[in-house]
Amino acid sequence: MLCKPKSKRIKKLFRVVFFCFKNILYL
């Protein structure tokens, strides 16, 4: 139960980091 929200949070963070990285590549 505790592991599930943590994994979801990490997945969300990874998505944001990936989006920022994509923007840097485009620039």
C-alpha atoms as a PDB file:
ATOM      1  CA  MET A   1       0.000   0.000   0.000  1.00  0.00           C
ATOM      2  CA  LEU A   2       2.828   2.409   0.839  1.00  0.00           C
ATOM      3  CA  CYS A   3       4.843   1.332  -2.192  1.00  0.00           C
ATOM      4  CA  LYS A   4       2.060   2.100  -4.684  1.00  0.00           C
ATOM      5  CA  PRO A   5       1.782   5.902  -4.085  1.00  0.00           C
ATOM      6  CA  LYS A   6       5.572   6.176  -3.978  1.00  0.00           C
ATOM      7  CA  SER A   7       5.883   4.446  -7.350  1.00  0.00           C
ATOM      8  CA  LYS A   8       3.179   6.708  -8.780  1.00  0.00           C
ATOM      9  CA  ARG A   9       5.011   9.781  -7.494  1.00  0.00           C
ATOM     10  CA  ILE A  10       8.323   8.620  -8.994  1.00  0.00           C
ATOM     11  CA  LYS A  11       6.600   7.886 -12.308  1.00  0.00           C
ATOM     12  CA  LYS A  12       5.116  11.397 -12.337  1.00  0.00           C
ATOM     13  CA  LEU A  13       8.502  12.936 -11.502  1.00  0.00           C
ATOM     14  CA  PHE A  14      10.177  10.894 -14.252  1.00  0.00           C
ATOM     15  CA  ARG A  15       7.583  12.127 -16.734  1.00  0.00           C
ATOM     16  CA  VAL A  16       8.290  15.779 -15.808  1.00  0.00           C
ATOM     17  CA  VAL A  17      12.058  15.223 -16.090  1.00  0.00           C
ATOM     18  CA  PHE A  18      11.609  13.555 -19.488  1.00  0.00           C
ATOM     19  CA  PHE A  19       9.480  16.495 -20.682  1.00  0.00           C
ATOM     20  CA  CYS A  20      12.154  18.993 -19.590  1.00  0.00           C
ATOM     21  CA  PHE A  21      14.871  16.916 -21.274  1.00  0.00           C
ATOM     22  CA  LYS A  22      12.852  16.853 -24.505  1.00  0.00           C
ATOM     23  CA  ASN A  23      12.499  20.650 -24.418  1.00  0.00           C
ATOM     24  CA  ILE A  24      16.275  21.023 -23.955  1.00  0.00           C
ATOM     25  CA  LEU A  25      16.875  18.742 -26.944  1.00  0.00           C
ATOM     26  CA  TYR A  26      14.522  20.774 -29.100  1.00  0.00           C
ATOM     27  CA  LEU A  27      16.233  24.021 -28.076  1.00  0.00           C
END
